[in-house]
Amino acid sequence: MLQSLYLILCIVGFVLPYSQLVPFLLEHGFDIKLFFEQLFANRISGFFGMDVAVSSLVFWTFVFWEGTRLKMRHLWVYVVCNFLVGVSFGLPLFLLRRQRQVEQQTN
């Protein structure tokens, strides 16, 4: 049940952010300067940008700490997923793999 929920959250965490990123890329290309200008265009968007940046740092710490403790392999994949999509995809993907690892170790 929990694994199914994490899988659904992975899909949602991939689709929703990319539903906003793809139109931007189609319109402006890979314009990093414009991307950050729009990300920090006002205090509210800056609030969310900073929140995601800090959440990412916390997520990376959790991945390497918990992943090492559970002897999970390829921990770098979750950081890459975080960079390519965001915490909304990387975190549920890590939690899915973590849950599978925990269940495997208890059997």
PDB file of N, CA and C in Angstrom:
ATOM      1  N   MET A   1       0.831  -1.201   0.000  1.00  0.00           N
ATOM      2  CA  MET A   1       0.000   0.000   0.000  1.00  0.00           C
ATOM      3  C   MET A   1       0.876   1.266   0.000  1.00  0.00           C
ATOM      4  N   LEU A   2       1.846   1.305   0.920  1.00  0.00           N
ATOM      5  CA  LEU A   2       2.719   2.469   1.009  1.00  0.00           C
ATOM      6  C   LEU A   2       3.546   2.628  -0.262  1.00  0.00           C
ATOM      7  N   GLN A   3       4.004   1.526  -0.818  1.00  0.00           N
ATOM      8  CA  GLN A   3       4.780   1.596  -2.055  1.00  0.00           C
ATOM      9  C   GLN A   3       3.937   2.148  -3.194  1.00  0.00           C
ATOM     10  N   SER A   4       2.684   1.766  -3.262  1.00  0.00           N
ATOM     11  CA  SER A   4       1.791   2.284  -4.302  1.00  0.00           C
ATOM     12  C   SER A   4       1.594   3.785  -4.152  1.00  0.00           C
ATOM     13  N   LEU A   5       1.443   4.234  -2.921  1.00  0.00           N
ATOM     14  CA  LEU A   5       1.285   5.667  -2.662  1.00  0.00           C
ATOM     15  C   LEU A   5       2.534   6.425  -3.100  1.00  0.00           C
ATOM     16  N   TYR A   6       3.713   5.920  -2.751  1.00  0.00           N
ATOM     17  CA  TYR A   6       4.965   6.563  -3.160  1.00  0.00           C
ATOM     18  C   TYR A   6       5.095   6.597  -4.678  1.00  0.00           C
ATOM     19  N   LEU A   7       4.676   5.530  -5.348  1.00  0.00           N
ATOM     20  CA  LEU A   7       4.735   5.492  -6.811  1.00  0.00           C
ATOM     21  C   LEU A   7       3.817   6.557  -7.419  1.00  0.00           C
ATOM     22  N   ILE A   8       2.617   6.678  -6.889  1.00  0.00           N
ATOM     23  CA  ILE A   8       1.679   7.712  -7.370  1.00  0.00           C
ATOM     24  C   ILE A   8       2.271   9.104  -7.139  1.00  0.00           C
ATOM     25  N   LEU A   9       2.874   9.310  -5.968  1.00  0.00           N
ATOM     26  CA  LEU A   9       3.483  10.610  -5.671  1.00  0.00           C
ATOM     27  C   LEU A   9       4.676  10.893  -6.583  1.00  0.00           C
ATOM     28  N   CYS A  10       5.420   9.853  -6.974  1.00  0.00           N
ATOM     29  CA  CYS A  10       6.509  10.023  -7.950  1.00  0.00           C
ATOM     30  C   CYS A  10       5.963  10.547  -9.272  1.00  0.00           C
ATOM     31  N   ILE A  11       4.884   9.945  -9.714  1.00  0.00           N
ATOM     32  CA  ILE A  11       4.289  10.337 -10.999  1.00  0.00           C
ATOM     33  C   ILE A  11       3.780  11.777 -10.925  1.00  0.00           C
ATOM     34  N   VAL A  12       3.046  12.089  -9.874  1.00  0.00           N
ATOM     35  CA  VAL A  12       2.530  13.453  -9.696  1.00  0.00           C
ATOM     36  C   VAL A  12       3.687  14.444  -9.549  1.00  0.00           C
ATOM     37  N   GLY A  13       4.708  14.039  -8.797  1.00  0.00           N
ATOM     38  CA  GLY A  13       5.869  14.898  -8.564  1.00  0.00           C
ATOM     39  C   GLY A  13       6.706  15.126  -9.804  1.00  0.00           C
ATOM     40  N   PHE A  14       6.551  14.287 -10.803  1.00  0.00           N
ATOM     41  CA  PHE A  14       7.230  14.473 -12.088  1.00  0.00           C
ATOM     42  C   PHE A  14       6.361  15.299 -13.038  1.00  0.00           C
ATOM     43  N   VAL A  15       5.100  14.918 -13.144  1.00  0.00           N
ATOM     44  CA  VAL A  15       4.199  15.518 -14.139  1.00  0.00           C
ATOM     45  C   VAL A  15       3.894  16.990 -13.832  1.00  0.00           C
ATOM     46  N   LEU A  16       3.558  17.309 -12.592  1.00  0.00           N
ATOM     47  CA  LEU A  16       3.164  18.692 -12.277  1.00  0.00           C
ATOM     48  C   LEU A  16       4.296  19.699 -12.494  1.00  0.00           C
ATOM     49  N   PRO A  17       5.503  19.465 -11.982  1.00  0.00           N
ATOM     50  CA  PRO A  17       6.563  20.438 -12.257  1.00  0.00           C
ATOM     51  C   PRO A  17       6.876  20.576 -13.748  1.00  0.00           C
ATOM     52  N   TYR A  18       6.904  19.451 -14.455  1.00  0.00           N
ATOM     53  CA  TYR A  18       7.224  19.523 -15.875  1.00  0.00           C
ATOM     54  C   TYR A  18       6.102  20.148 -16.695  1.00  0.00           C
ATOM     55  N   SER A  19       4.866  20.129 -16.168  1.00  0.00           N
ATOM     56  CA  SER A  19       3.767  20.807 -16.870  1.00  0.00           C
ATOM     57  C   SER A  19       4.002  22.317 -16.899  1.00  0.00           C
ATOM     58  N   GLN A  20       4.846  22.816 -15.997  1.00  0.00           N
ATOM     59  CA  GLN A  20       5.206  24.226 -15.982  1.00  0.00           C
ATOM     60  C   GLN A  20       6.545  24.484 -16.683  1.00  0.00           C
ATOM     61  N   LEU A  21       7.474  23.548 -16.565  1.00  0.00           N
ATOM     62  CA  LEU A  21       8.806  23.736 -17.142  1.00  0.00           C
ATOM     63  C   LEU A  21       8.817  23.585 -18.667  1.00  0.00           C
ATOM     64  N   VAL A  22       8.121  22.597 -19.182  1.00  0.00           N
ATOM     65  CA  VAL A  22       8.153  22.334 -20.633  1.00  0.00           C
ATOM     66  C   VAL A  22       7.659  23.537 -21.438  1.00  0.00           C
ATOM     67  N   PRO A  23       6.525  24.149 -21.090  1.00  0.00           N
ATOM     68  CA  PRO A  23       6.116  25.344 -21.851  1.00  0.00           C
ATOM     69  C   PRO A  23       7.144  26.474 -21.785  1.00  0.00           C
ATOM     70  N   PHE A  24       7.778  26.657 -20.612  1.00  0.00           N
ATOM     71  CA  PHE A  24       8.832  27.663 -20.489  1.00  0.00           C
ATOM     72  C   PHE A  24       9.971  27.350 -21.452  1.00  0.00           C
ATOM     73  N   LEU A  25      10.424  26.097 -21.474  1.00  0.00           N
ATOM     74  CA  LEU A  25      11.525  25.696 -22.353  1.00  0.00           C
ATOM     75  C   LEU A  25      11.152  25.832 -23.827  1.00  0.00           C
ATOM     76  N   LEU A  26       9.916  25.509 -24.166  1.00  0.00           N
ATOM     77  CA  LEU A  26       9.474  25.642 -25.555  1.00  0.00           C
ATOM     78  C   LEU A  26       9.444  27.103 -25.991  1.00  0.00           C
ATOM     79  N   GLU A  27       9.096  27.981 -25.073  1.00  0.00           N
ATOM     80  CA  GLU A  27       9.001  29.401 -25.395  1.00  0.00           C
ATOM     81  C   GLU A  27      10.354  30.112 -25.346  1.00  0.00           C
ATOM     82  N   HIS A  28      11.194  29.758 -24.346  1.00  0.00           N
ATOM     83  CA  HIS A  28      12.425  30.518 -24.114  1.00  0.00           C
ATOM     84  C   HIS A  28      13.705  29.714 -24.306  1.00  0.00           C
ATOM     85  N   GLY A  29      13.582  28.417 -24.498  1.00  0.00           N
ATOM     86  CA  GLY A  29      14.775  27.586 -24.569  1.00  0.00           C
ATOM     87  C   GLY A  29      15.398  27.445 -23.191  1.00  0.00           C
ATOM     88  N   PHE A  30      16.644  27.036 -23.162  1.00  0.00           N
ATOM     89  CA  PHE A  30      17.343  26.800 -21.904  1.00  0.00           C
ATOM     90  C   PHE A  30      18.028  28.088 -21.449  1.00  0.00           C
ATOM     91  N   ASP A  31      17.212  29.099 -21.155  1.00  0.00           N
ATOM     92  CA  ASP A  31      17.692  30.421 -20.747  1.00  0.00           C
ATOM     93  C   ASP A  31      17.777  30.472 -19.217  1.00  0.00           C
ATOM     94  N   ILE A  32      18.943  30.124 -18.685  1.00  0.00           N
ATOM     95  CA  ILE A  32      19.136  30.050 -17.235  1.00  0.00           C
ATOM     96  C   ILE A  32      18.937  31.416 -16.570  1.00  0.00           C
ATOM     97  N   LYS A  33      19.428  32.466 -17.213  1.00  0.00           N
ATOM     98  CA  LYS A  33      19.290  33.815 -16.646  1.00  0.00           C
ATOM     99  C   LYS A  33      17.816  34.176 -16.478  1.00  0.00           C
ATOM    100  N   LEU A  34      17.018  33.954 -17.517  1.00  0.00           N
ATOM    101  CA  LEU A  34      15.582  34.240 -17.450  1.00  0.00           C
ATOM    102  C   LEU A  34      14.894  33.339 -16.433  1.00  0.00           C
ATOM    103  N   PHE A  35      15.310  32.089 -16.376  1.00  0.00           N
ATOM    104  CA  PHE A  35      14.744  31.144 -15.421  1.00  0.00           C
ATOM    105  C   PHE A  35      14.869  31.696 -13.998  1.00  0.00           C
ATOM    106  N   PHE A  36      16.080  32.125 -13.620  1.00  0.00           N
ATOM    107  CA  PHE A  36      16.288  32.648 -12.266  1.00  0.00           C
ATOM    108  C   PHE A  36      15.658  34.017 -12.066  1.00  0.00           C
ATOM    109  N   GLU A  37      15.596  34.823 -13.113  1.00  0.00           N
ATOM    110  CA  GLU A  37      14.898  36.106 -13.004  1.00  0.00           C
ATOM    111  C   GLU A  37      13.428  35.876 -12.673  1.00  0.00           C
ATOM    112  N   GLN A  38      12.810  34.915 -13.353  1.00  0.00           N
ATOM    113  CA  GLN A  38      11.400  34.635 -13.096  1.00  0.00           C
ATOM    114  C   GLN A  38      11.193  33.915 -11.768  1.00  0.00           C
ATOM    115  N   LEU A  39      12.149  33.057 -11.412  1.00  0.00           N
ATOM    116  CA  LEU A  39      12.039  32.340 -10.142  1.00  0.00           C
ATOM    117  C   LEU A  39      12.038  33.313  -8.965  1.00  0.00           C
ATOM    118  N   PHE A  40      12.828  34.366  -9.054  1.00  0.00           N
ATOM    119  CA  PHE A  40      12.926  35.347  -7.975  1.00  0.00           C
ATOM    120  C   PHE A  40      12.329  36.700  -8.388  1.00  0.00           C
ATOM    121  N   ALA A  41      11.265  36.655  -9.193  1.00  0.00           N
ATOM    122  CA  ALA A  41      10.633  37.873  -9.711  1.00  0.00           C
ATOM    123  C   ALA A  41       9.967  38.693  -8.615  1.00  0.00           C
ATOM    124  N   ASN A  42       9.514  38.054  -7.565  1.00  0.00           N
ATOM    125  CA  ASN A  42       8.891  38.779  -6.456  1.00  0.00           C
ATOM    126  C   ASN A  42       9.130  37.993  -5.160  1.00  0.00           C
ATOM    127  N   ARG A  43       8.684  38.532  -4.060  1.00  0.00           N
ATOM    128  CA  ARG A  43       8.955  37.913  -2.760  1.00  0.00           C
ATOM    129  C   ARG A  43       8.290  36.544  -2.605  1.00  0.00           C
ATOM    130  N   ILE A  44       7.121  36.377  -3.173  1.00  0.00           N
ATOM    131  CA  ILE A  44       6.416  35.096  -3.043  1.00  0.00           C
ATOM    132  C   ILE A  44       7.124  34.009  -3.843  1.00  0.00           C
ATOM    133  N   SER A  45       7.485  34.302  -5.078  1.00  0.00           N
ATOM    134  CA  SER A  45       8.202  33.285  -5.856  1.00  0.00           C
ATOM    135  C   SER A  45       9.586  33.043  -5.260  1.00  0.00           C
ATOM    136  N   GLY A  46      10.221  34.074  -4.721  1.00  0.00           N
ATOM    137  CA  GLY A  46      11.499  33.920  -4.038  1.00  0.00           C
ATOM    138  C   GLY A  46      11.367  33.052  -2.797  1.00  0.00           C
ATOM    139  N   PHE A  47      10.265  33.220  -2.076  1.00  0.00           N
ATOM    140  CA  PHE A  47       9.973  32.388  -0.912  1.00  0.00           C
ATOM    141  C   PHE A  47       9.951  30.914  -1.314  1.00  0.00           C
ATOM    142  N   PHE A  48       9.221  30.604  -2.379  1.00  0.00           N
ATOM    143  CA  PHE A  48       9.142  29.211  -2.825  1.00  0.00           C
ATOM    144  C   PHE A  48      10.482  28.717  -3.371  1.00  0.00           C
ATOM    145  N   GLY A  49      11.207  29.563  -4.069  1.00  0.00           N
ATOM    146  CA  GLY A  49      12.521  29.176  -4.578  1.00  0.00           C
ATOM    147  C   GLY A  49      13.487  28.842  -3.457  1.00  0.00           C
ATOM    148  N   MET A  50      13.514  29.691  -2.434  1.00  0.00           N
ATOM    149  CA  MET A  50      14.392  29.437  -1.284  1.00  0.00           C
ATOM    150  C   MET A  50      13.945  28.203  -0.512  1.00  0.00           C
ATOM    151  N   ASP A  51      12.645  28.020  -0.379  1.00  0.00           N
ATOM    152  CA  ASP A  51      12.120  26.855   0.324  1.00  0.00           C
ATOM    153  C   ASP A  51      12.562  25.565  -0.366  1.00  0.00           C
ATOM    154  N   VAL A  52      12.464  25.542  -1.687  1.00  0.00           N
ATOM    155  CA  VAL A  52      12.870  24.353  -2.446  1.00  0.00           C
ATOM    156  C   VAL A  52      14.383  24.133  -2.345  1.00  0.00           C
ATOM    157  N   ALA A  53      15.161  25.206  -2.357  1.00  0.00           N
ATOM    158  CA  ALA A  53      16.618  25.071  -2.244  1.00  0.00           C
ATOM    159  C   ALA A  53      17.004  24.459  -0.894  1.00  0.00           C
ATOM    160  N   VAL A  54      16.416  24.955   0.175  1.00  0.00           N
ATOM    161  CA  VAL A  54      16.712  24.409   1.505  1.00  0.00           C
ATOM    162  C   VAL A  54      16.184  22.984   1.619  1.00  0.00           C
ATOM    163  N   SER A  55      14.990  22.737   1.110  1.00  0.00           N
ATOM    164  CA  SER A  55      14.429  21.382   1.134  1.00  0.00           C
ATOM    165  C   SER A  55      15.321  20.401   0.382  1.00  0.00           C
ATOM    166  N   SER A  56      15.920  20.857  -0.704  1.00  0.00           N
ATOM    167  CA  SER A  56      16.835  20.011  -1.457  1.00  0.00           C
ATOM    168  C   SER A  56      18.060  19.647  -0.633  1.00  0.00           C
ATOM    169  N   LEU A  57      18.631  20.613   0.070  1.00  0.00           N
ATOM    170  CA  LEU A  57      19.789  20.334   0.927  1.00  0.00           C
ATOM    171  C   LEU A  57      19.438  19.327   2.022  1.00  0.00           C
ATOM    172  N   VAL A  58      18.269  19.486   2.618  1.00  0.00           N
ATOM    173  CA  VAL A  58      17.812  18.550   3.649  1.00  0.00           C
ATOM    174  C   VAL A  58      17.609  17.166   3.030  1.00  0.00           C
ATOM    175  N   PHE A  59      17.028  17.137   1.855  1.00  0.00           N
ATOM    176  CA  PHE A  59      16.782  15.877   1.157  1.00  0.00           C
ATOM    177  C   PHE A  59      18.093  15.151   0.861  1.00  0.00           C
ATOM    178  N   TRP A  60      19.099  15.854   0.343  1.00  0.00           N
ATOM    179  CA  TRP A  60      20.388  15.219   0.038  1.00  0.00           C
ATOM    180  C   TRP A  60      21.014  14.643   1.299  1.00  0.00           C
ATOM    181  N   THR A  61      20.934  15.384   2.401  1.00  0.00           N
ATOM    182  CA  THR A  61      21.471  14.897   3.671  1.00  0.00           C
ATOM    183  C   THR A  61      20.755  13.615   4.086  1.00  0.00           C
ATOM    184  N   PHE A  62      19.442  13.626   3.992  1.00  0.00           N
ATOM    185  CA  PHE A  62      18.635  12.453   4.351  1.00  0.00           C
ATOM    186  C   PHE A  62      18.974  11.262   3.459  1.00  0.00           C
ATOM    187  N   VAL A  63      19.075  11.495   2.162  1.00  0.00           N
ATOM    188  CA  VAL A  63      19.384  10.414   1.226  1.00  0.00           C
ATOM    189  C   VAL A  63      20.697   9.736   1.596  1.00  0.00           C
ATOM    190  N   PHE A  64      21.732  10.520   1.794  1.00  0.00           N
ATOM    191  CA  PHE A  64      23.037   9.907   2.060  1.00  0.00           C
ATOM    192  C   PHE A  64      23.120   9.312   3.463  1.00  0.00           C
ATOM    193  N   TRP A  65      22.480   9.924   4.432  1.00  0.00           N
ATOM    194  CA  TRP A  65      22.503   9.386   5.788  1.00  0.00           C
ATOM    195  C   TRP A  65      21.688   8.093   5.867  1.00  0.00           C
ATOM    196  N   GLU A  66      20.435   8.179   5.476  1.00  0.00           N
ATOM    197  CA  GLU A  66      19.537   7.023   5.572  1.00  0.00           C
ATOM    198  C   GLU A  66      19.908   5.942   4.564  1.00  0.00           C
ATOM    199  N   GLY A  67      20.269   6.342   3.363  1.00  0.00           N
ATOM    200  CA  GLY A  67      20.661   5.372   2.345  1.00  0.00           C
ATOM    201  C   GLY A  67      21.899   4.592   2.737  1.00  0.00           C
ATOM    202  N   THR A  68      22.864   5.266   3.337  1.00  0.00           N
ATOM    203  CA  THR A  68      24.078   4.590   3.804  1.00  0.00           C
ATOM    204  C   THR A  68      23.741   3.645   4.954  1.00  0.00           C
ATOM    205  N   ARG A  69      22.901   4.092   5.868  1.00  0.00           N
ATOM    206  CA  ARG A  69      22.496   3.269   7.007  1.00  0.00           C
ATOM    207  C   ARG A  69      21.833   1.977   6.543  1.00  0.00           C
ATOM    208  N   LEU A  70      21.003   2.077   5.501  1.00  0.00           N
ATOM    209  CA  LEU A  70      20.279   0.911   4.993  1.00  0.00           C
ATOM    210  C   LEU A  70      21.048   0.148   3.907  1.00  0.00           C
ATOM    211  N   LYS A  71      22.272   0.610   3.632  1.00  0.00           N
ATOM    212  CA  LYS A  71      23.120  -0.023   2.612  1.00  0.00           C
ATOM    213  C   LYS A  71      22.464  -0.031   1.228  1.00  0.00           C
ATOM    214  N   MET A  72      21.804   1.098   0.908  1.00  0.00           N
ATOM    215  CA  MET A  72      21.190   1.260  -0.410  1.00  0.00           C
ATOM    216  C   MET A  72      22.284   1.638  -1.402  1.00  0.00           C
ATOM    217  N   ARG A  73      22.099   1.247  -2.640  1.00  0.00           N
ATOM    218  CA  ARG A  73      23.076   1.525  -3.687  1.00  0.00           C
ATOM    219  C   ARG A  73      22.600   2.678  -4.568  1.00  0.00           C
ATOM    220  N   HIS A  74      23.549   3.276  -5.275  1.00  0.00           N
ATOM    221  CA  HIS A  74      23.270   4.315  -6.280  1.00  0.00           C
ATOM    222  C   HIS A  74      22.507   5.509  -5.705  1.00  0.00           C
ATOM    223  N   LEU A  75      22.938   5.984  -4.557  1.00  0.00           N
ATOM    224  CA  LEU A  75      22.266   7.106  -3.895  1.00  0.00           C
ATOM    225  C   LEU A  75      22.328   8.384  -4.720  1.00  0.00           C
ATOM    226  N   TRP A  76      23.316   8.511  -5.566  1.00  0.00           N
ATOM    227  CA  TRP A  76      23.464   9.700  -6.406  1.00  0.00           C
ATOM    228  C   TRP A  76      22.267   9.883  -7.342  1.00  0.00           C
ATOM    229  N   VAL A  77      21.569   8.795  -7.665  1.00  0.00           N
ATOM    230  CA  VAL A  77      20.429   8.870  -8.591  1.00  0.00           C
ATOM    231  C   VAL A  77      19.353   9.810  -8.052  1.00  0.00           C
ATOM    232  N   TYR A  78      19.139   9.791  -6.753  1.00  0.00           N
ATOM    233  CA  TYR A  78      18.079  10.616  -6.158  1.00  0.00           C
ATOM    234  C   TYR A  78      18.445  12.097  -6.186  1.00  0.00           C
ATOM    235  N   VAL A  79      19.721  12.389  -6.046  1.00  0.00           N
ATOM    236  CA  VAL A  79      20.186  13.776  -6.155  1.00  0.00           C
ATOM    237  C   VAL A  79      20.020  14.255  -7.595  1.00  0.00           C
ATOM    238  N   VAL A  80      20.352  13.400  -8.555  1.00  0.00           N
ATOM    239  CA  VAL A  80      20.168  13.753  -9.968  1.00  0.00           C
ATOM    240  C   VAL A  80      18.687  13.990 -10.263  1.00  0.00           C
ATOM    241  N   CYS A  81      17.812  13.136  -9.740  1.00  0.00           N
ATOM    242  CA  CYS A  81      16.367  13.330  -9.928  1.00  0.00           C
ATOM    243  C   CYS A  81      15.910  14.645  -9.307  1.00  0.00           C
ATOM    244  N   ASN A  82      16.508  15.001  -8.181  1.00  0.00           N
ATOM    245  CA  ASN A  82      16.199  16.267  -7.541  1.00  0.00           C
ATOM    246  C   ASN A  82      16.594  17.435  -8.435  1.00  0.00           C
ATOM    247  N   PHE A  83      17.767  17.349  -9.065  1.00  0.00           N
ATOM    248  CA  PHE A  83      18.218  18.413  -9.971  1.00  0.00           C
ATOM    249  C   PHE A  83      17.379  18.470 -11.245  1.00  0.00           C
ATOM    250  N   LEU A  84      17.026  17.321 -11.799  1.00  0.00           N
ATOM    251  CA  LEU A  84      16.317  17.297 -13.080  1.00  0.00           C
ATOM    252  C   LEU A  84      14.830  17.616 -12.961  1.00  0.00           C
ATOM    253  N   VAL A  85      14.241  17.300 -11.810  1.00  0.00           N
ATOM    254  CA  VAL A  85      12.819  17.581 -11.622  1.00  0.00           C
ATOM    255  C   VAL A  85      12.608  18.402 -10.359  1.00  0.00           C
ATOM    256  N   GLY A  86      12.964  17.853  -9.222  1.00  0.00           N
ATOM    257  CA  GLY A  86      12.791  18.564  -7.959  1.00  0.00           C
ATOM    258  C   GLY A  86      12.588  17.609  -6.803  1.00  0.00           C
ATOM    259  N   VAL A  87      12.422  18.187  -5.633  1.00  0.00           N
ATOM    260  CA  VAL A  87      12.163  17.405  -4.429  1.00  0.00           C
ATOM    261  C   VAL A  87      10.871  16.608  -4.600  1.00  0.00           C
ATOM    262  N   SER A  88       9.927  17.160  -5.344  1.00  0.00           N
ATOM    263  CA  SER A  88       8.626  16.514  -5.536  1.00  0.00           C
ATOM    264  C   SER A  88       8.734  15.165  -6.241  1.00  0.00           C
ATOM    265  N   PHE A  89       9.816  14.928  -6.955  1.00  0.00           N
ATOM    266  CA  PHE A  89      10.046  13.637  -7.612  1.00  0.00           C
ATOM    267  C   PHE A  89      11.109  12.828  -6.873  1.00  0.00           C
ATOM    268  N   GLY A  90      12.204  13.464  -6.505  1.00  0.00           N
ATOM    269  CA  GLY A  90      13.311  12.760  -5.869  1.00  0.00           C
ATOM    270  C   GLY A  90      12.943  12.151  -4.526  1.00  0.00           C
ATOM    271  N   LEU A  91      12.194  12.886  -3.714  1.00  0.00           N
ATOM    272  CA  LEU A  91      11.839  12.390  -2.386  1.00  0.00           C
ATOM    273  C   LEU A  91      10.920  11.171  -2.437  1.00  0.00           C
ATOM    274  N   PRO A  92       9.803  11.213  -3.151  1.00  0.00           N
ATOM    275  CA  PRO A  92       8.982   9.998  -3.167  1.00  0.00           C
ATOM    276  C   PRO A  92       9.676   8.810  -3.839  1.00  0.00           C
ATOM    277  N   LEU A  93      10.546   9.086  -4.815  1.00  0.00           N
ATOM    278  CA  LEU A  93      11.305   7.994  -5.430  1.00  0.00           C
ATOM    279  C   LEU A  93      12.239   7.365  -4.403  1.00  0.00           C
ATOM    280  N   PHE A  94      12.946   8.193  -3.638  1.00  0.00           N
ATOM    281  CA  PHE A  94      13.823   7.661  -2.591  1.00  0.00           C
ATOM    282  C   PHE A  94      13.010   6.900  -1.548  1.00  0.00           C
ATOM    283  N   LEU A  95      11.877   7.452  -1.119  1.00  0.00           N
ATOM    284  CA  LEU A  95      11.060   6.784  -0.111  1.00  0.00           C
ATOM    285  C   LEU A  95      10.514   5.457  -0.623  1.00  0.00           C
ATOM    286  N   LEU A  96      10.190   5.386  -1.903  1.00  0.00           N
ATOM    287  CA  LEU A  96       9.746   4.129  -2.509  1.00  0.00           C
ATOM    288  C   LEU A  96      10.851   3.083  -2.433  1.00  0.00           C
ATOM    289  N   ARG A  97      12.048   3.456  -2.887  1.00  0.00           N
ATOM    290  CA  ARG A  97      13.184   2.525  -2.870  1.00  0.00           C
ATOM    291  C   ARG A  97      13.581   2.183  -1.435  1.00  0.00           C
ATOM    292  N   ARG A  98      13.502   3.152  -0.534  1.00  0.00           N
ATOM    293  CA  ARG A  98      13.810   2.917   0.881  1.00  0.00           C
ATOM    294  C   ARG A  98      12.835   1.908   1.472  1.00  0.00           C
ATOM    295  N   GLN A  99      11.540   2.076   1.184  1.00  0.00           N
ATOM    296  CA  GLN A  99      10.526   1.153   1.695  1.00  0.00           C
ATOM    297  C   GLN A  99      10.775  -0.262   1.192  1.00  0.00           C
ATOM    298  N   ARG A 100      11.129  -0.389  -0.072  1.00  0.00           N
ATOM    299  CA  ARG A 100      11.445  -1.710  -0.625  1.00  0.00           C
ATOM    300  C   ARG A 100      12.657  -2.315   0.073  1.00  0.00           C
ATOM    301  N   GLN A 101      13.660  -1.486   0.352  1.00  0.00           N
ATOM    302  CA  GLN A 101      14.880  -1.955   1.026  1.00  0.00           C
ATOM    303  C   GLN A 101      14.542  -2.427   2.446  1.00  0.00           C
ATOM    304  N   VAL A 102      13.739  -1.647   3.158  1.00  0.00           N
ATOM    305  CA  VAL A 102      13.354  -2.007   4.527  1.00  0.00           C
ATOM    306  C   VAL A 102      12.583  -3.318   4.525  1.00  0.00           C
ATOM    307  N   GLU A 103      11.638  -3.454   3.611  1.00  0.00           N
ATOM    308  CA  GLU A 103      10.842  -4.676   3.546  1.00  0.00           C
ATOM    309  C   GLU A 103      11.698  -5.880   3.164  1.00  0.00           C
ATOM    310  N   GLN A 104      12.658  -5.670   2.291  1.00  0.00           N
ATOM    311  CA  GLN A 104      13.561  -6.738   1.885  1.00  0.00           C
ATOM    312  C   GLN A 104      14.439  -7.179   3.055  1.00  0.00           C
ATOM    313  N   GLN A 105      14.904  -6.224   3.841  1.00  0.00           N
ATOM    314  CA  GLN A 105      15.767  -6.559   4.982  1.00  0.00           C
ATOM    315  C   GLN A 105      15.019  -7.236   6.117  1.00  0.00           C
ATOM    316  N   THR A 106      13.712  -6.984   6.230  1.00  0.00           N
ATOM    317  CA  THR A 106      12.932  -7.599   7.312  1.00  0.00           C
ATOM    318  C   THR A 106      12.428  -8.982   6.942  1.00  0.00           C
ATOM    319  N   ASN A 107      12.522  -9.342   5.672  1.00  0.00           N
ATOM    320  CA  ASN A 107      12.056 -10.688   5.246  1.00  0.00           C
ATOM    321  C   ASN A 107      13.174 -11.684   5.289  1.00  0.00           C
TER     322      ASN A 107
END
